């Protein structure tokens, strides 16, 4: 029987906070309990849940509960899959069951870097052996989104532990388990040990499921969501089944993003499209024949031949020769993930391979060398990296970016400019007086810019009014400035003039006035800097009518000119 799996097994965010997550722990608190936290560090832990990697979510969960842990309860930490990619024996008791030491536990968990396989059965045995040495009841909570990939039958192993006389019980939480075969096996582990099985559809529902599981460990009756008897093979009667692996010898992938396009071959290439199956693993029915299968997995595509014979089951077990890459970008001087970003992966020649917009991207890339670039507004940072087949890695990037928020007013204290504004950000003016290079431009009453830290000249323009402010932007912090235009608005109405020119009132040494603005309509509304001006209306017959006026900052006035 073919096994389908991808385990992401946060085996036991178990009893972390058992005492505080539920009110059922009063009796246990009196004498203290022994618990082992078993954490999955297989490569699939770089998968995403609610916008963050599963390993990051697990670390945060551990951190949040350690501060609430009952010091009377002893706690150990076991991790598997954190040292090598293909070793089923990569299981380590990083913190033995001992007096509660939050600093030691936090250091162990924070240093986990997922990369390997998921030996569920052997981890259960190792945890049970460590708990047996304490001569206390051996209860474990397993949280998994997949299935065993090393031992032939973890359910049988769990049943043997139950019969061993150590009081072993496993309460199992299935985290977003889409594969029916995987769910069936997880439910079997709970049934075999007298534990409960609970479903958690996503990361946010995990806390509720853990609370129920904790209540069960404290002796409270919790209803299991598993059927009392095993269900029939969900893939019975299907004549095609498929699994995909990142590399030879690694766990099969369990991911709904995997698509299997089935095509008729034509001259050795893809011909007519026959069907598309979704998700990995998959099982379905297809007519006998020869096909080409295009496996698409996020940014990756691979083609494989397939032959389906009548009365036989066809098995696709494909090797993608690829790896997972994620990145949890941070802001220099700031806190939390970077949002509203663009992630780009290019090859060493600069060709764009993939682009994502999530706060935490997930790329599936063919083995090779790449460059990852993180961009937010005008800020950008890059890092080269390599992917080997089967890799699951996190390429950390720190971005130098601060938020600049610009408003403008016509005068000190207001009124505020609400429309028809252009806000430009430039590098500081050059020593020769020329404007610096333009960095960014916006057109909003409250214009926002994401910029690298440094000095900038910010210019706001409305009509013919202009104001400039020098400001400093700091990474990880917002900077708010207001540009005072020291300006007002003039509304000019004429009785049919073809042109309206506005000049500065003062004449230069050549007895000429500087033209400030012009309109070829009979009316004219324009913002001008505070000062004295002359409006000249020009009519079709060549007649010119001049009228002086003054602009007061923050005020609007009207001017009527008649022939």
Protein backbone atom coordinates (compact mmCIF):
# COMPACT_ATOMS: atom_id res chain seq x y z
CA UNK A 1 0.00 0.00 0.00
CA UNK A 2 1.36 3.31 -1.04
CA UNK A 3 1.86 5.79 1.75
CA UNK A 4 1.20 9.45 1.22
CA UNK A 5 2.78 11.87 3.45
CA UNK A 6 4.39 15.10 4.25
CA UNK A 7 4.86 15.41 7.87
CA UNK A 8 5.03 18.60 9.60
CA UNK A 9 4.90 17.34 12.91
CA UNK A 10 4.99 19.75 15.75
CA UNK A 11 4.78 16.77 18.00
CA UNK A 12 3.62 18.11 21.13
CA UNK A 13 3.38 21.78 21.45
CA UNK A 14 2.42 19.30 23.97
CA UNK A 15 1.93 20.20 27.39
CA UNK A 16 3.53 23.60 26.92
CA UNK A 17 1.26 25.57 29.12
CA UNK A 18 -0.73 22.52 30.13
CA UNK A 19 -1.44 24.06 33.46
CA UNK A 20 -2.44 27.47 32.20
CA UNK A 21 -4.13 26.60 28.92
CA UNK A 22 -6.95 24.88 30.78
CA UNK A 23 -8.60 24.90 34.16
CA UNK A 24 -8.32 21.13 34.42
CA UNK A 25 -4.85 21.02 35.91
CA UNK A 26 -5.47 21.74 39.58
CA UNK A 27 -4.79 18.23 40.80
CA UNK A 28 -1.69 17.78 38.60
CA UNK A 29 -0.23 21.06 39.86
CA UNK A 30 -0.17 19.74 43.36
CA UNK A 31 2.49 17.12 42.58
CA UNK A 32 3.98 18.35 39.30
CA UNK A 33 4.14 16.48 35.99
CA UNK A 34 6.80 15.27 33.53
CA UNK A 35 6.47 16.21 29.88
CA UNK A 36 8.56 16.02 26.73
CA UNK A 37 8.05 18.58 23.98
CA UNK A 38 8.74 16.83 20.66
CA UNK A 39 9.27 19.25 17.81
CA UNK A 40 9.33 18.44 14.12
CA UNK A 41 12.35 19.96 12.34
CA UNK A 42 11.83 18.22 9.01
CA UNK A 43 12.06 20.24 5.81
CA UNK A 44 8.31 20.66 5.54
CA UNK A 45 8.39 22.91 8.60
CA UNK A 46 9.36 25.72 6.20
CA UNK A 47 5.83 25.46 4.82
CA UNK A 48 3.50 28.39 5.48
CA UNK A 49 0.60 28.67 7.90
CA UNK A 50 -1.32 31.95 8.08
CA UNK A 51 1.48 33.85 6.39
CA UNK A 52 4.47 32.58 8.36
CA UNK A 53 6.63 29.48 8.32
CA UNK A 54 5.47 26.62 10.52
CA UNK A 55 8.79 26.53 12.38
CA UNK A 56 8.47 30.24 13.13
CA UNK A 57 4.92 29.74 14.40
CA UNK A 58 6.11 26.84 16.59
CA UNK A 59 8.94 28.90 18.06
CA UNK A 60 6.57 31.76 18.84
CA UNK A 61 4.13 29.36 20.47
CA UNK A 62 6.91 27.94 22.65
CA UNK A 63 8.09 31.43 23.64
CA UNK A 64 4.60 32.58 24.58
CA UNK A 65 3.95 29.58 26.81
CA UNK A 66 7.30 29.30 28.55
CA UNK A 67 6.57 32.49 30.50
CA UNK A 68 3.42 30.83 31.87
CA UNK A 69 4.81 27.38 32.57
CA UNK A 70 4.27 25.95 36.03
CA UNK A 71 7.81 25.71 37.52
CA UNK A 72 6.74 22.61 39.46
CA UNK A 73 6.33 20.68 36.19
CA UNK A 74 9.46 19.19 34.62
CA UNK A 75 9.93 19.65 30.90
CA UNK A 76 12.21 18.15 28.24
CA UNK A 77 12.65 18.97 24.56
CA UNK A 78 13.11 16.43 21.77
CA UNK A 79 13.79 17.42 18.15
CA UNK A 80 14.10 15.39 14.98
CA UNK A 81 15.18 16.22 11.43
CA UNK A 82 17.31 19.23 12.38
CA UNK A 83 20.78 17.91 11.55
CA UNK A 84 20.61 16.11 8.19
CA UNK A 85 18.30 15.87 5.19
CA UNK A 86 17.78 12.13 4.81
CA UNK A 87 18.49 10.46 8.16
CA UNK A 88 15.60 8.63 9.83
CA UNK A 89 17.69 8.37 13.02
CA UNK A 90 18.08 12.13 13.39
CA UNK A 91 16.29 12.31 16.75
CA UNK A 92 17.82 14.23 19.65
CA UNK A 93 16.70 14.82 23.22
CA UNK A 94 18.07 18.36 23.33
CA UNK A 95 16.84 19.08 26.86
CA UNK A 96 16.38 16.02 29.13
CA UNK A 97 13.34 15.80 31.36
CA UNK A 98 14.49 17.90 34.29
CA UNK A 99 13.70 20.89 36.44
CA UNK A 100 12.03 23.57 34.33
CA UNK A 101 14.70 25.77 32.74
CA UNK A 102 13.03 28.27 30.35
CA UNK A 103 16.28 29.89 29.18
CA UNK A 104 17.76 26.53 28.18
CA UNK A 105 14.57 25.45 26.42
CA UNK A 106 14.23 28.73 24.54
CA UNK A 107 17.84 28.56 23.37
CA UNK A 108 17.34 25.00 22.11
CA UNK A 109 14.12 25.80 20.24
CA UNK A 110 15.40 29.08 18.74
CA UNK A 111 18.36 27.24 17.23
CA UNK A 112 16.28 24.74 15.26
CA UNK A 113 16.81 24.80 11.48
CA UNK A 114 14.47 22.34 9.72
CA UNK A 115 16.02 20.14 7.03
CA UNK A 116 15.37 16.41 7.49
CA UNK A 117 12.84 13.55 7.53
CA UNK A 118 10.01 12.73 9.93
CA UNK A 119 10.47 9.54 11.95
CA UNK A 120 7.20 9.64 13.91
CA UNK A 121 7.28 6.08 15.26
CA UNK A 122 10.87 6.25 16.51
CA UNK A 123 10.25 9.68 18.04
CA UNK A 124 7.29 8.28 19.97
CA UNK A 125 9.45 5.40 21.17
CA UNK A 126 12.25 7.74 22.23
CA UNK A 127 9.86 10.06 24.05
CA UNK A 128 8.18 7.10 25.80
CA UNK A 129 11.58 5.72 26.87
CA UNK A 130 12.63 9.08 28.31
CA UNK A 131 9.33 9.44 30.18
CA UNK A 132 9.49 5.81 31.40
CA UNK A 133 12.75 6.58 33.16
CA UNK A 134 10.85 9.09 35.34
CA UNK A 135 8.35 6.38 36.35
CA UNK A 136 5.49 8.81 35.77
CA UNK A 137 2.60 8.46 33.36
CA UNK A 138 3.87 8.83 29.76
CA UNK A 139 1.47 11.15 27.94
CA UNK A 140 2.38 12.89 24.68
CA UNK A 141 0.51 15.31 22.45
CA UNK A 142 1.37 15.05 18.77
CA UNK A 143 0.53 17.77 16.27
CA UNK A 144 1.06 16.73 12.65
CA UNK A 145 -0.10 17.67 9.16
CA UNK A 146 1.18 14.46 7.59
CA UNK A 147 2.29 10.92 8.07
CA UNK A 148 5.25 8.73 9.01
CA UNK A 149 7.96 8.54 6.35
CA UNK A 150 10.52 6.21 7.97
CA UNK A 151 8.87 3.32 9.86
CA UNK A 152 6.47 0.93 8.15
CA UNK A 153 3.63 1.28 10.67
CA UNK A 154 3.68 3.96 13.39
CA UNK A 155 0.18 2.95 14.47
CA UNK A 156 1.45 -0.53 15.36
CA UNK A 157 4.41 1.03 17.17
CA UNK A 158 2.04 3.20 19.18
CA UNK A 159 -0.06 0.15 20.09
CA UNK A 160 3.06 -1.68 21.33
CA UNK A 161 3.95 1.29 23.52
CA UNK A 162 0.45 1.17 24.99
CA UNK A 163 0.88 -2.52 25.83
CA UNK A 164 4.30 -2.03 27.40
CA UNK A 165 2.84 -1.13 30.76
CA UNK A 166 4.20 2.42 30.96
CA UNK A 167 0.79 4.04 30.66
CA UNK A 168 1.62 5.58 27.29
CA UNK A 169 -1.09 7.76 25.71
CA UNK A 170 -0.87 9.89 22.57
CA UNK A 171 -3.37 12.66 21.94
CA UNK A 172 -3.06 13.62 18.26
CA UNK A 173 -3.93 16.88 16.51
CA UNK A 174 -4.10 16.84 12.72
CA UNK A 175 -3.05 20.28 11.46
CA UNK A 176 -4.66 21.07 8.10
CA UNK A 177 -4.44 17.42 6.98
CA UNK A 178 -5.74 17.16 3.41
CA UNK A 179 -4.50 13.64 2.60
CA UNK A 180 -7.16 11.12 3.76
CA UNK A 181 -4.53 8.39 4.14
CA UNK A 182 -2.49 10.62 6.42
CA UNK A 183 -5.51 11.53 8.51
CA UNK A 184 -6.46 7.87 8.83
CA UNK A 185 -3.00 7.00 10.17
CA UNK A 186 -2.95 9.87 12.69
CA UNK A 187 -6.38 8.85 13.93
CA UNK A 188 -5.12 5.27 14.29
CA UNK A 189 -2.24 6.41 16.56
CA UNK A 190 -4.70 8.11 18.88
CA UNK A 191 -7.09 5.11 18.90
CA UNK A 192 -4.29 2.62 19.54
CA UNK A 193 -3.09 4.45 22.66
CA UNK A 194 -6.48 5.44 24.07
CA UNK A 195 -5.93 9.09 23.17
CA UNK A 196 -8.15 11.59 21.37
CA UNK A 197 -7.80 12.86 17.81
CA UNK A 198 -8.61 16.48 17.03
CA UNK A 199 -8.63 18.43 13.76
CA UNK A 200 -7.14 21.92 13.46
CA UNK A 201 -8.02 23.47 10.12
CA UNK A 202 -5.43 26.24 10.37
CA UNK A 203 -2.94 27.82 12.75
CA UNK A 204 -5.53 29.95 14.52
CA UNK A 205 -7.61 26.89 15.47
CA UNK A 206 -4.54 25.05 16.78
CA UNK A 207 -4.77 26.76 20.18
CA UNK A 208 -8.34 25.52 20.67
CA UNK A 209 -7.41 21.96 19.76
CA UNK A 210 -4.37 22.08 22.05
CA UNK A 211 -6.55 23.33 24.91
CA UNK A 212 -8.84 20.30 24.49
CA UNK A 213 -5.88 17.93 24.27
CA UNK A 214 -4.41 19.44 27.44
CA UNK A 215 -7.73 18.94 29.19
CA UNK A 216 -7.59 15.29 28.14
CA UNK A 217 -4.13 14.89 29.67
CA UNK A 218 -5.54 16.25 32.94
CA UNK A 219 -8.23 13.55 33.03
CA UNK A 220 -11.10 15.55 31.59
CA UNK A 221 -13.26 13.60 29.13
CA UNK A 222 -12.78 15.09 25.65
CA UNK A 223 -14.66 13.76 22.62
CA UNK A 224 -12.36 12.38 19.94
CA UNK A 225 -13.05 13.46 16.35
CA UNK A 226 -11.81 10.15 14.98
CA UNK A 227 -14.24 7.36 14.04
CA UNK A 228 -14.23 4.42 16.46
CA UNK A 229 -13.12 2.04 13.71
CA UNK A 230 -10.66 2.59 10.85
CA UNK A 231 -12.19 3.74 7.58
CA UNK A 232 -11.64 1.85 4.33
CA UNK A 233 -8.73 2.72 2.07
CA UNK A 234 -9.80 6.11 0.60
CA UNK A 235 -7.87 5.38 -2.61
CA UNK A 236 -9.51 2.01 -3.30
CA UNK A 237 -10.47 1.63 -6.96
CA UNK A 238 -8.17 4.36 -8.29
CA UNK A 239 -5.89 3.29 -11.12
CA UNK A 240 -3.41 6.19 -10.91
CA UNK A 241 -1.63 7.51 -7.86
CA UNK A 242 1.07 10.11 -7.65
CA UNK A 243 3.59 11.47 -5.19
CA UNK A 244 6.35 14.01 -5.72
CA UNK A 245 9.63 14.39 -3.86
CA UNK A 246 12.04 17.27 -3.77
CA UNK A 247 14.99 14.86 -4.03
CA UNK A 248 15.72 11.14 -4.11
CA UNK A 249 15.08 9.50 -0.73
CA UNK A 250 13.18 12.41 0.82
CA UNK A 251 9.63 12.57 2.14
CA UNK A 252 6.87 12.83 -0.47
CA UNK A 253 5.34 16.29 -0.68
CA UNK A 254 1.86 16.90 0.71
CA UNK A 255 0.69 20.18 -0.79
CA UNK A 256 -2.45 21.32 -2.61
CA UNK A 257 -0.31 23.62 -4.79
CA UNK A 258 1.01 20.67 -6.78
CA UNK A 259 -0.78 20.24 -10.14
CA UNK A 260 -0.54 17.22 -12.45
CA UNK A 261 -1.33 18.11 -16.07
CA UNK A 262 -1.97 15.01 -18.20
CA UNK A 263 -1.25 15.32 -21.93
CA UNK A 264 -1.19 13.01 -24.94
CA UNK A 265 2.33 12.81 -26.40
CA UNK A 266 2.93 14.35 -29.82
CA UNK A 267 6.35 13.99 -31.47
CA UNK A 268 7.90 13.49 -28.06
CA UNK A 269 6.31 16.63 -26.59
CA UNK A 270 3.07 17.63 -24.90
CA UNK A 271 0.09 17.34 -27.19
CA UNK A 272 -3.61 17.38 -26.42
CA UNK A 273 -4.54 18.17 -22.80
CA UNK A 274 -6.44 15.28 -21.23
CA UNK A 275 -6.96 16.21 -17.57
CA UNK A 276 -5.44 17.98 -14.59
CA UNK A 277 -5.30 16.54 -11.09
CA UNK A 278 -4.70 18.74 -8.07
CA UNK A 279 -2.78 18.25 -4.85
CA UNK A 280 -0.05 15.90 -3.72
CA UNK A 281 -0.41 13.10 -3.12
CA UNK A 282 -3.30 12.35 -5.48
CA UNK A 283 -5.26 9.33 -6.69
CA UNK A 284 -7.78 9.17 -9.51
CA UNK A 285 -9.00 7.27 -12.56
CA UNK A 286 -7.67 7.68 -16.09
CA UNK A 287 -8.07 5.70 -19.33
CA UNK A 288 -5.22 3.34 -20.26
CA UNK A 289 -2.63 4.83 -22.57
CA UNK A 290 0.67 6.67 -22.88
CA UNK A 291 0.89 10.19 -21.48
CA UNK A 292 3.20 13.06 -20.61
CA UNK A 293 2.67 14.45 -17.13
CA UNK A 294 3.59 18.07 -16.42
CA UNK A 295 4.08 18.51 -12.67
CA UNK A 296 3.71 22.16 -11.65
CA UNK A 297 4.65 23.23 -8.14
CA UNK A 298 4.62 26.97 -7.58
CA UNK A 299 7.55 28.32 -9.61
CA UNK A 300 8.69 24.87 -10.78
CA UNK A 301 7.67 22.72 -13.75
CA UNK A 302 8.87 19.24 -14.65
CA UNK A 303 7.72 16.71 -17.29
CA UNK A 304 7.60 12.92 -16.89
CA UNK A 305 6.37 10.01 -19.06
CA UNK A 306 3.45 7.90 -17.82
CA UNK A 307 2.09 4.57 -19.04
CA UNK A 308 -1.30 3.36 -17.77
CA UNK A 309 -2.17 -0.28 -18.48
CA UNK A 310 -5.60 -1.83 -18.25
CA UNK A 311 -6.20 -3.64 -14.97
CA UNK A 312 -3.03 -2.31 -13.40
CA UNK A 313 -2.40 0.55 -11.04
CA UNK A 314 -0.01 3.21 -12.37
CA UNK A 315 2.27 4.81 -9.81
CA UNK A 316 3.93 8.17 -10.35
CA UNK A 317 6.80 8.77 -7.93
CA UNK A 318 8.56 11.80 -9.37
CA UNK A 319 11.77 13.53 -8.27
CA UNK A 320 11.64 17.32 -8.75
CA UNK A 321 15.35 17.97 -8.08
CA UNK A 322 14.37 21.15 -6.22
CA UNK A 323 14.25 22.83 -2.83
CA UNK A 324 12.11 25.15 -0.72
CA UNK A 325 13.20 28.71 -0.01
CA UNK A 326 11.43 31.13 2.32
CA UNK A 327 12.45 34.44 3.82
CA UNK A 328 11.17 36.29 6.84
CA UNK A 329 12.44 39.78 6.07
CA UNK A 330 12.94 42.26 8.87
CA UNK A 331 13.38 46.04 9.08
CA UNK A 332 16.59 47.45 10.48
CA UNK A 333 15.67 49.19 13.71
CA UNK A 334 12.08 47.91 13.56
CA UNK A 335 10.03 44.98 14.79
CA UNK A 336 8.01 42.27 13.05
CA UNK A 337 7.86 41.14 9.46
CA UNK A 338 8.13 43.48 6.48
CA UNK A 339 4.81 43.94 4.68
CA UNK A 340 3.73 45.51 1.35
CA UNK A 341 6.86 44.15 -0.30
CA UNK A 342 8.03 42.58 -3.53
CA UNK A 343 10.27 39.50 -3.47
CA UNK A 344 12.17 38.58 -6.62
CA UNK A 345 14.35 35.59 -7.40
CA UNK A 346 16.75 35.96 -10.31
CA UNK A 347 19.32 33.56 -11.66
CA UNK A 348 23.01 34.46 -11.76
CA UNK A 349 22.49 36.03 -15.19
CA UNK A 350 19.82 38.40 -13.86
CA UNK A 351 16.81 36.65 -15.43
CA UNK A 352 13.67 36.85 -13.30
CA UNK A 353 12.69 33.37 -12.08
CA UNK A 354 9.93 34.13 -9.59
CA UNK A 355 8.15 37.02 -7.90
CA UNK A 356 5.98 37.06 -4.77
CA UNK A 357 4.17 39.73 -2.73
CA UNK A 358 3.44 37.97 0.56
CA UNK A 359 5.11 39.08 3.79
CA UNK A 360 6.67 35.62 3.94
CA UNK A 361 7.19 34.17 0.45
CA UNK A 362 7.62 30.51 -0.39
CA UNK A 363 9.57 29.55 -3.48
CA UNK A 364 10.05 26.11 -5.01
CA UNK A 365 13.26 26.35 -7.03
CA UNK A 366 15.30 23.96 -9.13
CA UNK A 367 18.74 23.19 -7.73
CA UNK A 368 21.10 26.06 -8.65
CA UNK A 369 22.41 29.51 -7.73
CA UNK A 370 20.16 32.55 -7.34
CA UNK A 371 19.82 36.07 -5.96
CA UNK A 372 16.92 37.03 -3.68
CA UNK A 373 15.88 40.70 -3.71
CA UNK A 374 13.49 42.34 -1.24
CA UNK A 375 11.95 45.69 -2.25
CA UNK A 376 9.68 48.01 -0.30
CA UNK A 377 9.04 51.37 -1.94
CA UNK A 378 12.43 52.87 -2.74
CA UNK A 379 14.32 50.54 -0.40
CA UNK A 380 15.95 47.39 -1.71
CA UNK A 381 18.33 44.70 -0.49
CA UNK A 382 19.67 41.53 -2.13
CA UNK A 383 21.49 38.35 -1.16
CA UNK A 384 22.90 35.52 -3.27
CA UNK A 385 22.03 31.96 -2.25
CA UNK A 386 22.19 28.41 -3.56
CA UNK A 387 19.63 25.61 -3.59
CA UNK A 388 20.53 21.94 -3.51
CA UNK A 389 17.96 19.25 -4.26
CA UNK A 390 16.00 18.60 -1.08
CA UNK A 391 17.03 21.83 0.63
CA UNK A 392 14.56 23.66 2.85
CA UNK A 393 16.08 26.97 3.82
CA UNK A 394 15.34 30.45 5.05
CA UNK A 395 17.26 33.30 3.40
CA UNK A 396 17.14 36.09 5.95
CA UNK A 397 17.15 39.69 4.69
CA UNK A 398 17.21 42.92 6.69
CA UNK A 399 15.87 45.98 4.91
CA UNK A 400 16.92 49.56 5.63
CA UNK A 401 13.55 51.32 5.26
CA UNK A 402 11.61 54.04 7.05
CA UNK A 403 8.19 55.54 6.36
CA UNK A 404 8.03 59.22 5.36
CA UNK A 405 4.57 60.83 5.61
CA UNK A 406 4.15 64.27 4.01
CA UNK A 407 1.31 66.78 4.34
CA UNK A 408 1.19 70.37 3.13
CA UNK A 409 -0.50 73.61 4.22
CA UNK A 410 -0.98 76.97 2.54
CA UNK A 411 0.17 78.77 5.67
CA UNK A 412 1.57 77.99 9.09
CA UNK A 413 -1.26 76.29 10.96
CA UNK A 414 -3.39 75.77 7.82
CA UNK A 415 -5.49 75.43 5.78
CA UNK A 416 -4.30 72.04 4.57
CA UNK A 417 -3.74 71.30 0.89
CA UNK A 418 -6.27 68.66 -0.10
CA UNK A 419 -5.93 68.31 -3.89
CA UNK A 420 -3.89 69.09 -7.01
CA UNK A 421 -0.61 68.53 -5.17
CA UNK A 422 2.65 67.02 -6.36
CA UNK A 423 5.09 65.83 -3.67
CA UNK A 424 8.60 64.97 -4.80
CA UNK A 425 11.40 63.44 -2.73
CA UNK A 426 14.95 64.13 -3.89
CA UNK A 427 18.46 63.55 -2.75
CA UNK A 428 19.83 66.68 -1.01
CA UNK A 429 20.66 69.60 -3.28
CA UNK A 430 24.12 69.52 -4.85
CA UNK A 431 26.91 71.90 -3.77
CA UNK A 432 26.44 73.88 -7.01
CA UNK A 433 22.81 74.55 -6.11
CA UNK A 434 21.24 72.09 -8.56
CA UNK A 435 18.43 69.87 -7.33
CA UNK A 436 19.38 66.42 -6.20
CA UNK A 437 18.28 63.29 -8.05
CA UNK A 438 14.56 62.53 -7.78
CA UNK A 439 13.86 59.50 -5.60
CA UNK A 440 10.06 59.25 -5.61
CA UNK A 441 6.90 61.24 -6.32
CA UNK A 442 3.32 61.05 -5.07
CA UNK A 443 0.12 63.07 -5.54
CA UNK A 444 -1.86 62.58 -2.33
CA UNK A 445 -2.84 65.09 0.34
CA UNK A 446 -1.03 62.73 2.70
CA UNK A 447 1.74 61.24 0.60
CA UNK A 448 3.63 58.23 1.96
CA UNK A 449 7.06 57.00 0.95
CA UNK A 450 9.14 53.96 1.93
CA UNK A 451 12.75 55.16 1.83
CA UNK A 452 16.22 54.08 2.93
CA UNK A 453 17.45 55.96 5.98
CA UNK A 454 19.15 59.27 5.17
CA UNK A 455 18.62 62.96 4.32
CA UNK A 456 16.13 64.10 1.70
CA UNK A 457 14.69 67.30 0.24
CA UNK A 458 10.90 67.12 0.09
CA UNK A 459 9.17 69.54 -2.29
CA UNK A 460 5.42 70.14 -2.45
CA UNK A 461 3.96 71.98 -5.45
CA UNK A 462 0.40 73.29 -5.90
CA UNK A 463 -0.14 75.45 -8.97
CA UNK A 464 2.72 77.96 -8.92
CA UNK A 465 3.26 77.65 -5.16
CA UNK A 466 6.20 75.61 -3.96
CA UNK A 467 7.76 74.68 -0.61
CA UNK A 468 10.79 72.56 0.26
CA UNK A 469 11.78 70.92 3.55
CA UNK A 470 14.95 69.00 4.42
CA UNK A 471 14.22 65.92 6.53
CA UNK A 472 15.91 62.84 8.00
CA UNK A 473 14.44 59.34 7.59
CA UNK A 474 15.30 56.60 10.08
CA UNK A 475 14.93 52.90 9.38
CA UNK A 476 12.14 51.17 11.28
CA UNK A 477 10.41 54.41 12.29
CA UNK A 478 7.82 56.76 10.75
CA UNK A 479 8.79 60.37 10.00
CA UNK A 480 6.02 62.96 9.62
CA UNK A 481 6.65 66.37 8.08
CA UNK A 482 4.50 69.26 6.88
CA UNK A 483 5.55 71.48 3.99
CA UNK A 484 4.33 75.06 4.44
CA UNK A 485 3.78 76.57 0.98
CA UNK A 486 3.30 80.12 2.33
CA UNK A 487 0.76 80.59 -0.44
CA UNK A 488 -2.79 81.56 -1.29
CA UNK A 489 -5.20 81.15 -4.21
CA UNK A 490 -6.34 83.74 -6.71
CA UNK A 491 -9.50 83.40 -8.81
CA UNK A 492 -9.48 85.71 -11.85
CA UNK A 493 -12.57 86.37 -13.96
CA UNK A 494 -12.51 88.39 -17.19
CA UNK A 495 -15.14 89.46 -19.70
CA UNK A 496 -13.93 87.30 -22.54
CA UNK A 497 -10.12 87.62 -22.48
CA UNK A 498 -8.25 85.09 -24.62
CA UNK A 499 -5.20 85.01 -22.36
CA UNK A 500 -4.43 85.82 -18.74
CA UNK A 501 -0.80 86.37 -17.75
CA UNK A 502 0.37 86.73 -14.16
CA UNK A 503 3.59 88.62 -13.48
CA UNK A 504 5.52 89.45 -10.38
CA UNK A 505 4.89 93.07 -9.48
CA UNK A 506 8.56 93.98 -9.15
CA UNK A 507 10.50 94.96 -12.29
CA UNK A 508 14.13 93.98 -12.81
CA UNK A 509 17.04 96.12 -13.91
CA UNK A 510 15.82 95.86 -17.52
CA UNK A 511 12.38 97.16 -16.49
CA UNK A 512 10.87 93.75 -17.10
CA UNK A 513 8.58 91.70 -14.92
CA UNK A 514 8.89 87.92 -14.52
CA UNK A 515 5.93 85.96 -15.86
CA UNK A 516 4.78 83.55 -13.17
CA UNK A 517 1.86 81.79 -14.87
CA UNK A 518 -0.43 81.88 -17.89
CA UNK A 519 -3.92 80.68 -18.86
CA UNK A 520 -5.69 80.72 -22.23
CA UNK A 521 -9.14 80.74 -20.72
CA UNK A 522 -11.38 83.64 -19.70
CA UNK A 523 -11.13 82.55 -16.03
CA UNK A 524 -8.11 81.43 -14.04
CA UNK A 525 -7.68 79.80 -10.61
CA UNK A 526 -4.14 79.25 -9.41
CA UNK A 527 -2.14 78.94 -6.19
CA UNK A 528 0.68 81.50 -5.81
CA UNK A 529 3.29 82.18 -3.19
CA UNK A 530 2.52 85.12 -0.88
CA UNK A 531 3.49 88.47 -2.48
CA UNK A 532 2.53 91.15 -5.00
CA UNK A 533 1.52 90.41 -8.58
CA UNK A 534 -0.01 91.93 -11.71
CA UNK A 535 -2.68 90.19 -13.80
CA UNK A 536 -2.73 91.08 -17.51
CA UNK A 537 -5.82 90.19 -19.53
CA UNK A 538 -5.28 90.11 -23.32
CA UNK A 539 -8.27 90.40 -25.65
CA UNK A 540 -8.83 89.37 -29.27
CA UNK A 541 -8.39 92.92 -30.51
CA UNK A 542 -4.96 93.14 -28.88
CA UNK A 543 -6.09 95.27 -25.95
CA UNK A 544 -4.36 94.57 -22.65
CA UNK A 545 -5.84 95.35 -19.23
CA UNK A 546 -3.60 95.17 -16.15
CA UNK A 547 -4.71 94.86 -12.58
CA UNK A 548 -2.44 94.48 -9.54
CA UNK A 549 -3.21 92.17 -6.62
CA UNK A 550 -1.55 90.67 -3.54
CA UNK A 551 -1.56 87.11 -2.25
CA UNK A 552 -1.89 86.48 1.50
CA UNK A 553 -0.77 83.05 2.76
CA UNK A 554 -3.70 80.80 3.63
CA UNK A 555 -6.30 83.02 1.91
CA UNK A 556 -8.30 82.87 -1.29
CA UNK A 557 -9.34 86.01 -3.15
CA UNK A 558 -11.08 86.87 -6.42
CA UNK A 559 -10.18 89.42 -9.05
CA UNK A 560 -12.41 90.73 -11.84
CA UNK A 561 -10.96 92.34 -14.97
CA UNK A 562 -13.10 94.14 -17.56
CA UNK A 563 -12.13 95.45 -20.95
